[in-house]
Amino acid sequence: MRARAVALILLLAVLLAAPALAAEEDRYGYIKVYDVDVQLDNGTANIHVNYSVDESTRIIFFFFGKQDLKNKLMKILNYDDAKIQRIDLEGAEFTVNEAAVSYGDGIYWYPAHTFNVVIPNLTVRSPQVTRNFTMVREFPSGIGYFSLAEVPVRQG
């Protein structure tokens, strides 16, 4: 009997969510992305994502946890080695180690990156510059930057 009740709740949630799953480019299933902020620190990218989840799916998180939400966010970001630092129903924090290529002496290159949804507001911050984009699926061209923590001080 309990299994039937759970199955009925899941079926009801899917039926309620189906209209909301229409083809909006800034959506991935029941998640609507608002913005992504990438902060570059040495070779690491610290990523903050703001989003909302459909009201009809919130009960699923209550009963079954946030594993599906985590999986969908990982798919949206499209980084194989992202680590989740914090996650809730409105935002998440990720860390991607070695997201940028190091050329030594504190010089880094953060390459172009493609997301799996359109990001309404994308911000990429390095120690020297901030670049903002609207309605993009890709961070184009990449960005070079210096990490001030690693620049050697020369005596002379």
N, C-alpha and C. Protein backbone atom coordinates (compact mmCIF):
# COMPACT_ATOMS: atom_id res chain seq x y z
N MET A 1 0.82 -1.19 0.00
CA MET A 1 0.00 0.00 0.00
C MET A 1 0.87 1.26 0.00
N ARG A 2 1.94 1.24 0.79
CA ARG A 2 2.83 2.40 0.87
C ARG A 2 3.49 2.67 -0.49
N ALA A 3 3.90 1.62 -1.18
CA ALA A 3 4.53 1.76 -2.49
C ALA A 3 3.55 2.39 -3.48
N ARG A 4 2.31 2.02 -3.40
CA ARG A 4 1.29 2.60 -4.30
C ARG A 4 1.11 4.09 -4.02
N ALA A 5 1.12 4.46 -2.75
CA ALA A 5 0.97 5.87 -2.39
C ALA A 5 2.14 6.69 -2.91
N VAL A 6 3.35 6.16 -2.77
CA VAL A 6 4.54 6.85 -3.28
C VAL A 6 4.46 6.96 -4.79
N ALA A 7 4.08 5.89 -5.46
CA ALA A 7 3.96 5.92 -6.92
C ALA A 7 2.90 6.92 -7.36
N LEU A 8 1.80 6.99 -6.64
CA LEU A 8 0.73 7.95 -6.96
C LEU A 8 1.22 9.38 -6.78
N ILE A 9 1.97 9.63 -5.72
CA ILE A 9 2.52 10.97 -5.49
C ILE A 9 3.49 11.35 -6.61
N LEU A 10 4.34 10.42 -7.00
CA LEU A 10 5.28 10.69 -8.09
C LEU A 10 4.55 10.96 -9.40
N LEU A 11 3.55 10.16 -9.71
CA LEU A 11 2.78 10.35 -10.93
C LEU A 11 2.08 11.70 -10.92
N LEU A 12 1.51 12.06 -9.78
CA LEU A 12 0.84 13.36 -9.65
C LEU A 12 1.84 14.50 -9.84
N ALA A 13 3.02 14.37 -9.25
CA ALA A 13 4.04 15.42 -9.39
C ALA A 13 4.48 15.57 -10.84
N VAL A 14 4.65 14.47 -11.54
CA VAL A 14 5.04 14.53 -12.95
C VAL A 14 3.95 15.17 -13.78
N LEU A 15 2.71 14.82 -13.53
CA LEU A 15 1.60 15.41 -14.29
C LEU A 15 1.47 16.90 -14.02
N LEU A 16 1.69 17.31 -12.80
CA LEU A 16 1.62 18.74 -12.48
C LEU A 16 2.80 19.51 -13.06
N ALA A 17 3.94 18.86 -13.14
CA ALA A 17 5.14 19.53 -13.64
C ALA A 17 5.20 19.57 -15.15
N ALA A 18 4.51 18.68 -15.84
CA ALA A 18 4.62 18.57 -17.29
C ALA A 18 4.39 19.89 -18.03
N PRO A 19 3.36 20.67 -17.71
CA PRO A 19 3.20 21.94 -18.43
C PRO A 19 4.36 22.90 -18.21
N ALA A 20 4.96 22.85 -17.04
CA ALA A 20 6.07 23.74 -16.74
C ALA A 20 7.36 23.30 -17.41
N LEU A 21 7.38 22.10 -17.92
CA LEU A 21 8.59 21.59 -18.55
C LEU A 21 8.64 21.92 -20.04
N ALA A 22 7.83 22.87 -20.46
CA ALA A 22 7.84 23.29 -21.85
C ALA A 22 9.21 23.80 -22.23
N ALA A 23 9.43 23.98 -23.51
CA ALA A 23 10.77 24.25 -24.04
C ALA A 23 11.21 25.69 -23.82
N GLU A 24 11.57 26.02 -22.59
CA GLU A 24 12.22 27.29 -22.30
C GLU A 24 13.71 27.02 -22.26
N GLU A 25 14.49 27.86 -22.92
CA GLU A 25 15.92 27.60 -23.03
C GLU A 25 16.67 27.74 -21.72
N ASP A 26 16.12 28.49 -20.76
CA ASP A 26 16.81 28.66 -19.48
C ASP A 26 16.31 27.66 -18.43
N ARG A 27 15.64 26.62 -18.88
CA ARG A 27 15.11 25.57 -18.01
C ARG A 27 15.80 24.26 -18.31
N TYR A 28 15.93 23.47 -17.27
CA TYR A 28 16.37 22.09 -17.43
C TYR A 28 15.46 21.27 -16.53
N GLY A 29 14.47 20.65 -17.13
CA GLY A 29 13.47 19.93 -16.35
C GLY A 29 12.70 20.89 -15.49
N TYR A 30 12.70 20.68 -14.20
CA TYR A 30 11.94 21.52 -13.27
C TYR A 30 12.76 22.69 -12.73
N ILE A 31 13.97 22.91 -13.26
CA ILE A 31 14.85 23.98 -12.79
C ILE A 31 14.87 25.13 -13.78
N LYS A 32 14.64 26.33 -13.30
CA LYS A 32 14.76 27.54 -14.12
C LYS A 32 15.97 28.32 -13.61
N VAL A 33 16.96 28.49 -14.46
CA VAL A 33 18.20 29.17 -14.10
C VAL A 33 18.02 30.68 -14.28
N TYR A 34 18.51 31.45 -13.29
CA TYR A 34 18.47 32.91 -13.38
C TYR A 34 19.85 33.49 -13.68
N ASP A 35 20.86 33.03 -12.95
CA ASP A 35 22.20 33.55 -13.22
C ASP A 35 23.25 32.57 -12.72
N VAL A 36 24.43 32.72 -13.31
CA VAL A 36 25.61 31.94 -12.93
C VAL A 36 26.75 32.93 -12.75
N ASP A 37 27.42 32.83 -11.61
CA ASP A 37 28.56 33.69 -11.31
C ASP A 37 29.78 32.80 -11.11
N VAL A 38 30.81 33.01 -11.94
CA VAL A 38 32.04 32.23 -11.86
C VAL A 38 33.14 33.14 -11.34
N GLN A 39 33.69 32.80 -10.18
CA GLN A 39 34.79 33.55 -9.57
C GLN A 39 36.06 32.73 -9.73
N LEU A 40 37.04 33.27 -10.46
CA LEU A 40 38.30 32.56 -10.72
C LEU A 40 39.30 32.92 -9.63
N ASP A 41 39.87 31.89 -9.03
CA ASP A 41 40.83 32.07 -7.94
C ASP A 41 41.94 31.06 -8.15
N ASN A 42 43.12 31.54 -8.49
CA ASN A 42 44.20 30.66 -8.93
C ASN A 42 43.65 29.83 -10.09
N GLY A 43 43.76 28.53 -10.06
CA GLY A 43 43.22 27.71 -11.14
C GLY A 43 41.84 27.18 -10.88
N THR A 44 41.24 27.60 -9.77
CA THR A 44 39.93 27.10 -9.33
C THR A 44 38.83 28.06 -9.76
N ALA A 45 37.69 27.48 -10.15
CA ALA A 45 36.49 28.27 -10.43
C ALA A 45 35.48 27.99 -9.32
N ASN A 46 35.09 29.04 -8.62
CA ASN A 46 34.01 28.95 -7.63
C ASN A 46 32.75 29.46 -8.31
N ILE A 47 31.75 28.60 -8.41
CA ILE A 47 30.57 28.89 -9.21
C ILE A 47 29.34 28.97 -8.31
N HIS A 48 28.60 30.07 -8.45
CA HIS A 48 27.32 30.23 -7.74
C HIS A 48 26.21 30.25 -8.79
N VAL A 49 25.19 29.44 -8.58
CA VAL A 49 24.05 29.36 -9.49
C VAL A 49 22.79 29.74 -8.72
N ASN A 50 22.02 30.70 -9.26
CA ASN A 50 20.71 31.04 -8.71
C ASN A 50 19.66 30.46 -9.64
N TYR A 51 18.66 29.82 -9.07
CA TYR A 51 17.62 29.17 -9.85
C TYR A 51 16.37 29.03 -9.00
N SER A 52 15.31 28.56 -9.62
CA SER A 52 14.11 28.18 -8.88
C SER A 52 13.69 26.79 -9.34
N VAL A 53 12.98 26.09 -8.49
CA VAL A 53 12.44 24.80 -8.86
C VAL A 53 10.92 24.92 -8.86
N ASP A 54 10.27 24.17 -9.73
CA ASP A 54 8.82 24.21 -9.82
C ASP A 54 8.20 23.84 -8.47
N GLU A 55 7.17 24.55 -8.10
CA GLU A 55 6.49 24.29 -6.83
C GLU A 55 6.02 22.85 -6.71
N SER A 56 5.54 22.30 -7.80
CA SER A 56 4.98 20.95 -7.75
C SER A 56 6.04 19.87 -7.49
N THR A 57 7.32 20.21 -7.64
CA THR A 57 8.36 19.21 -7.41
C THR A 57 8.96 19.29 -6.00
N ARG A 58 8.64 20.32 -5.26
CA ARG A 58 9.22 20.50 -3.93
C ARG A 58 8.90 19.34 -2.99
N ILE A 59 7.74 18.75 -3.14
CA ILE A 59 7.38 17.63 -2.27
C ILE A 59 8.27 16.42 -2.53
N ILE A 60 8.73 16.28 -3.77
CA ILE A 60 9.63 15.18 -4.10
C ILE A 60 10.94 15.32 -3.31
N PHE A 61 11.46 16.55 -3.18
CA PHE A 61 12.69 16.77 -2.41
C PHE A 61 12.47 16.42 -0.94
N PHE A 62 11.27 16.72 -0.44
CA PHE A 62 10.96 16.42 0.95
C PHE A 62 11.01 14.91 1.20
N PHE A 63 10.45 14.14 0.28
CA PHE A 63 10.39 12.69 0.46
C PHE A 63 11.66 11.97 0.04
N PHE A 64 12.30 12.42 -1.02
CA PHE A 64 13.38 11.63 -1.61
C PHE A 64 14.76 12.30 -1.58
N GLY A 65 14.85 13.51 -1.07
CA GLY A 65 16.14 14.19 -1.00
C GLY A 65 16.44 14.96 -2.28
N LYS A 66 17.65 15.48 -2.36
CA LYS A 66 18.04 16.40 -3.43
C LYS A 66 18.98 15.78 -4.46
N GLN A 67 19.10 14.47 -4.49
CA GLN A 67 20.05 13.86 -5.42
C GLN A 67 19.72 14.19 -6.88
N ASP A 68 18.45 14.15 -7.25
CA ASP A 68 18.08 14.47 -8.63
C ASP A 68 18.39 15.92 -8.96
N LEU A 69 18.17 16.82 -7.99
CA LEU A 69 18.51 18.23 -8.18
C LEU A 69 20.00 18.38 -8.39
N LYS A 70 20.81 17.70 -7.60
CA LYS A 70 22.26 17.74 -7.76
C LYS A 70 22.67 17.26 -9.15
N ASN A 71 22.08 16.16 -9.59
CA ASN A 71 22.42 15.60 -10.91
C ASN A 71 22.07 16.58 -12.03
N LYS A 72 20.91 17.20 -11.92
CA LYS A 72 20.48 18.14 -12.96
C LYS A 72 21.38 19.39 -12.98
N LEU A 73 21.75 19.89 -11.82
CA LEU A 73 22.64 21.05 -11.77
C LEU A 73 24.01 20.72 -12.35
N MET A 74 24.51 19.53 -12.07
CA MET A 74 25.79 19.11 -12.65
C MET A 74 25.67 19.05 -14.17
N LYS A 75 24.55 18.57 -14.68
CA LYS A 75 24.34 18.51 -16.12
C LYS A 75 24.25 19.92 -16.72
N ILE A 76 23.58 20.83 -16.03
CA ILE A 76 23.47 22.22 -16.49
C ILE A 76 24.85 22.85 -16.61
N LEU A 77 25.67 22.71 -15.55
CA LEU A 77 26.99 23.35 -15.54
C LEU A 77 27.95 22.74 -16.53
N ASN A 78 27.84 21.43 -16.74
CA ASN A 78 28.65 20.74 -17.74
C ASN A 78 30.15 20.72 -17.39
N TYR A 79 30.45 20.54 -16.11
CA TYR A 79 31.82 20.31 -15.64
C TYR A 79 31.86 18.90 -15.06
N ASP A 80 32.74 18.07 -15.58
CA ASP A 80 32.82 16.68 -15.11
C ASP A 80 33.28 16.58 -13.66
N ASP A 81 34.11 17.51 -13.22
CA ASP A 81 34.72 17.38 -11.90
C ASP A 81 34.28 18.45 -10.91
N ALA A 82 33.08 19.00 -11.10
CA ALA A 82 32.57 20.01 -10.15
C ALA A 82 32.22 19.34 -8.83
N LYS A 83 32.51 20.03 -7.75
CA LYS A 83 32.19 19.54 -6.40
C LYS A 83 31.14 20.47 -5.80
N ILE A 84 30.08 19.90 -5.28
CA ILE A 84 29.01 20.68 -4.67
C ILE A 84 29.43 21.09 -3.27
N GLN A 85 29.39 22.39 -3.00
CA GLN A 85 29.72 22.91 -1.68
C GLN A 85 28.45 23.17 -0.86
N ARG A 86 27.40 23.65 -1.53
CA ARG A 86 26.14 23.98 -0.87
C ARG A 86 25.03 23.88 -1.90
N ILE A 87 23.86 23.40 -1.47
CA ILE A 87 22.73 23.31 -2.38
C ILE A 87 21.44 23.48 -1.59
N ASP A 88 20.51 24.26 -2.15
CA ASP A 88 19.16 24.35 -1.61
C ASP A 88 18.20 24.52 -2.78
N LEU A 89 16.99 24.92 -2.52
CA LEU A 89 15.99 24.99 -3.58
C LEU A 89 16.03 26.31 -4.35
N GLU A 90 16.99 27.19 -4.04
CA GLU A 90 17.10 28.47 -4.75
C GLU A 90 18.49 28.76 -5.29
N GLY A 91 19.50 28.06 -4.81
CA GLY A 91 20.85 28.33 -5.27
C GLY A 91 21.80 27.23 -4.86
N ALA A 92 22.96 27.24 -5.49
CA ALA A 92 23.98 26.23 -5.18
C ALA A 92 25.35 26.82 -5.41
N GLU A 93 26.33 26.27 -4.69
CA GLU A 93 27.73 26.65 -4.82
C GLU A 93 28.52 25.42 -5.26
N PHE A 94 29.38 25.62 -6.25
CA PHE A 94 30.22 24.54 -6.76
C PHE A 94 31.67 25.02 -6.80
N THR A 95 32.59 24.08 -6.73
CA THR A 95 34.00 24.36 -6.92
C THR A 95 34.51 23.43 -8.01
N VAL A 96 35.23 24.01 -8.97
CA VAL A 96 35.86 23.22 -10.02
C VAL A 96 37.37 23.46 -9.90
N ASN A 97 38.08 22.46 -9.39
CA ASN A 97 39.53 22.55 -9.29
C ASN A 97 40.13 22.38 -10.68
N GLU A 98 41.21 23.09 -10.93
CA GLU A 98 41.91 23.03 -12.22
C GLU A 98 40.97 23.37 -13.39
N ALA A 99 40.08 24.34 -13.17
CA ALA A 99 39.21 24.81 -14.25
C ALA A 99 39.99 25.66 -15.24
N ALA A 100 41.09 26.24 -14.77
CA ALA A 100 41.94 27.07 -15.61
C ALA A 100 43.29 26.39 -15.79
N VAL A 101 43.89 26.65 -16.92
CA VAL A 101 45.22 26.11 -17.24
C VAL A 101 46.26 27.05 -16.64
N SER A 102 47.23 26.48 -15.91
CA SER A 102 48.29 27.28 -15.31
C SER A 102 49.50 27.31 -16.24
N TYR A 103 50.03 28.51 -16.48
CA TYR A 103 51.24 28.67 -17.27
C TYR A 103 52.44 28.99 -16.37
N GLY A 104 52.25 28.88 -15.06
CA GLY A 104 53.33 29.17 -14.11
C GLY A 104 53.39 30.65 -13.77
N ASP A 105 54.08 30.98 -12.71
CA ASP A 105 54.24 32.36 -12.24
C ASP A 105 52.91 33.08 -12.04
N GLY A 106 51.86 32.35 -11.67
CA GLY A 106 50.56 32.97 -11.39
C GLY A 106 49.77 33.36 -12.63
N ILE A 107 50.13 32.83 -13.81
CA ILE A 107 49.43 33.15 -15.05
C ILE A 107 48.48 31.99 -15.38
N TYR A 108 47.19 32.33 -15.65
CA TYR A 108 46.17 31.32 -15.91
C TYR A 108 45.37 31.65 -17.16
N TRP A 109 44.81 30.60 -17.74
CA TRP A 109 43.88 30.73 -18.86
C TRP A 109 42.64 29.91 -18.55
N TYR A 110 41.49 30.60 -18.42
CA TYR A 110 40.21 29.94 -18.23
C TYR A 110 39.58 29.83 -19.62
N PRO A 111 39.47 28.62 -20.15
CA PRO A 111 39.04 28.45 -21.54
C PRO A 111 37.54 28.67 -21.72
N ALA A 112 37.13 28.76 -22.98
CA ALA A 112 35.71 28.83 -23.32
C ALA A 112 35.00 27.63 -22.71
N HIS A 113 33.74 27.81 -22.36
CA HIS A 113 32.98 26.73 -21.74
C HIS A 113 31.53 26.77 -22.20
N THR A 114 30.96 25.61 -22.46
CA THR A 114 29.57 25.50 -22.90
C THR A 114 28.71 24.93 -21.79
N PHE A 115 27.59 25.58 -21.52
CA PHE A 115 26.61 25.10 -20.55
C PHE A 115 25.52 24.34 -21.31
N ASN A 116 24.71 23.59 -20.60
CA ASN A 116 23.66 22.81 -21.26
C ASN A 116 22.30 23.49 -21.25
N VAL A 117 22.24 24.74 -20.82
CA VAL A 117 21.05 25.58 -20.93
C VAL A 117 21.52 26.99 -21.25
N VAL A 118 20.59 27.82 -21.66
CA VAL A 118 20.90 29.24 -21.83
C VAL A 118 20.95 29.88 -20.45
N ILE A 119 22.00 30.61 -20.19
CA ILE A 119 22.18 31.30 -18.92
C ILE A 119 21.74 32.76 -19.12
N PRO A 120 20.65 33.19 -18.46
CA PRO A 120 20.18 34.57 -18.65
C PRO A 120 21.22 35.62 -18.28
N ASN A 121 21.95 35.40 -17.19
CA ASN A 121 22.99 36.34 -16.76
C ASN A 121 24.21 35.54 -16.31
N LEU A 122 25.29 35.65 -17.08
CA LEU A 122 26.53 34.96 -16.76
C LEU A 122 27.58 36.01 -16.43
N THR A 123 28.24 35.84 -15.27
CA THR A 123 29.32 36.73 -14.87
C THR A 123 30.55 35.88 -14.61
N VAL A 124 31.67 36.26 -15.22
CA VAL A 124 32.95 35.59 -14.98
C VAL A 124 33.90 36.64 -14.43
N ARG A 125 34.42 36.37 -13.21
CA ARG A 125 35.28 37.33 -12.52
C ARG A 125 36.68 36.75 -12.34
N SER A 126 37.67 37.50 -12.75
CA SER A 126 39.06 37.16 -12.47
C SER A 126 39.59 38.25 -11.54
N PRO A 127 40.81 38.11 -11.02
CA PRO A 127 41.34 39.18 -10.17
C PRO A 127 41.46 40.53 -10.90
N GLN A 128 41.55 40.52 -12.24
CA GLN A 128 41.73 41.76 -12.98
C GLN A 128 40.47 42.31 -13.65
N VAL A 129 39.55 41.44 -14.03
CA VAL A 129 38.44 41.90 -14.85
C VAL A 129 37.18 41.09 -14.57
N THR A 130 36.03 41.72 -14.82
CA THR A 130 34.73 41.05 -14.73
C THR A 130 34.08 41.14 -16.10
N ARG A 131 33.62 40.01 -16.61
CA ARG A 131 32.92 39.98 -17.90
C ARG A 131 31.50 39.50 -17.67
N ASN A 132 30.53 40.23 -18.24
CA ASN A 132 29.11 39.92 -18.11
C ASN A 132 28.53 39.56 -19.46
N PHE A 133 27.65 38.57 -19.46
CA PHE A 133 26.98 38.12 -20.68
C PHE A 133 25.51 37.88 -20.36
N THR A 134 24.66 38.09 -21.36
CA THR A 134 23.23 37.80 -21.19
C THR A 134 22.77 36.83 -22.26
N MET A 135 21.90 35.94 -21.82
CA MET A 135 21.27 34.94 -22.70
C MET A 135 22.30 34.18 -23.53
N VAL A 136 23.24 33.54 -22.85
CA VAL A 136 24.29 32.79 -23.53
C VAL A 136 24.28 31.33 -23.07
N ARG A 137 24.68 30.48 -23.94
CA ARG A 137 24.86 29.06 -23.63
C ARG A 137 26.35 28.76 -23.47
N GLU A 138 27.18 29.72 -23.86
CA GLU A 138 28.62 29.50 -23.86
C GLU A 138 29.35 30.72 -23.34
N PHE A 139 30.40 30.47 -22.56
CA PHE A 139 31.36 31.52 -22.23
C PHE A 139 32.37 31.49 -23.36
N PRO A 140 32.36 32.50 -24.24
CA PRO A 140 33.18 32.44 -25.45
C PRO A 140 34.62 32.88 -25.21
N SER A 141 35.49 32.38 -26.01
CA SER A 141 36.87 32.86 -26.14
C SER A 141 37.80 32.58 -24.96
N GLY A 142 37.31 32.43 -23.77
CA GLY A 142 38.18 32.24 -22.62
C GLY A 142 38.68 33.58 -22.10
N ILE A 143 39.45 33.49 -21.00
CA ILE A 143 39.97 34.71 -20.38
C ILE A 143 41.31 34.39 -19.73
N GLY A 144 42.27 35.24 -19.93
CA GLY A 144 43.57 35.11 -19.28
C GLY A 144 43.60 36.01 -18.06
N TYR A 145 44.31 35.57 -17.03
CA TYR A 145 44.39 36.39 -15.81
C TYR A 145 45.61 36.02 -15.00
N PHE A 146 45.94 36.91 -14.08
CA PHE A 146 47.05 36.70 -13.15
C PHE A 146 46.47 36.46 -11.76
N SER A 147 47.02 35.53 -11.06
CA SER A 147 46.64 35.30 -9.66
C SER A 147 47.65 36.05 -8.81
N LEU A 148 47.17 37.05 -8.12
CA LEU A 148 48.06 37.89 -7.33
C LEU A 148 48.73 37.13 -6.20
N ALA A 149 48.12 36.06 -5.73
CA ALA A 149 48.70 35.29 -4.64
C ALA A 149 49.93 34.52 -5.06
N GLU A 150 50.08 34.26 -6.36
CA GLU A 150 51.19 33.44 -6.84
C GLU A 150 52.29 34.23 -7.56
N VAL A 151 52.09 35.54 -7.75
CA VAL A 151 53.09 36.31 -8.45
C VAL A 151 54.32 36.47 -7.54
N PRO A 152 55.47 36.02 -8.01
CA PRO A 152 56.66 36.10 -7.15
C PRO A 152 57.12 37.55 -6.99
N VAL A 153 57.57 37.87 -5.80
CA VAL A 153 58.11 39.21 -5.52
C VAL A 153 59.60 39.15 -5.79
N ARG A 154 60.06 40.03 -6.65
CA ARG A 154 61.48 40.04 -7.02
C ARG A 154 62.20 41.11 -6.21
N GLN A 155 63.27 40.71 -5.62
CA GLN A 155 64.11 41.64 -4.85
C GLN A 155 65.12 42.26 -5.80
N GLY A 156 65.38 43.48 -5.65
CA GLY A 156 66.37 43.99 -6.57
C GLY A 156 66.78 45.32 -6.29
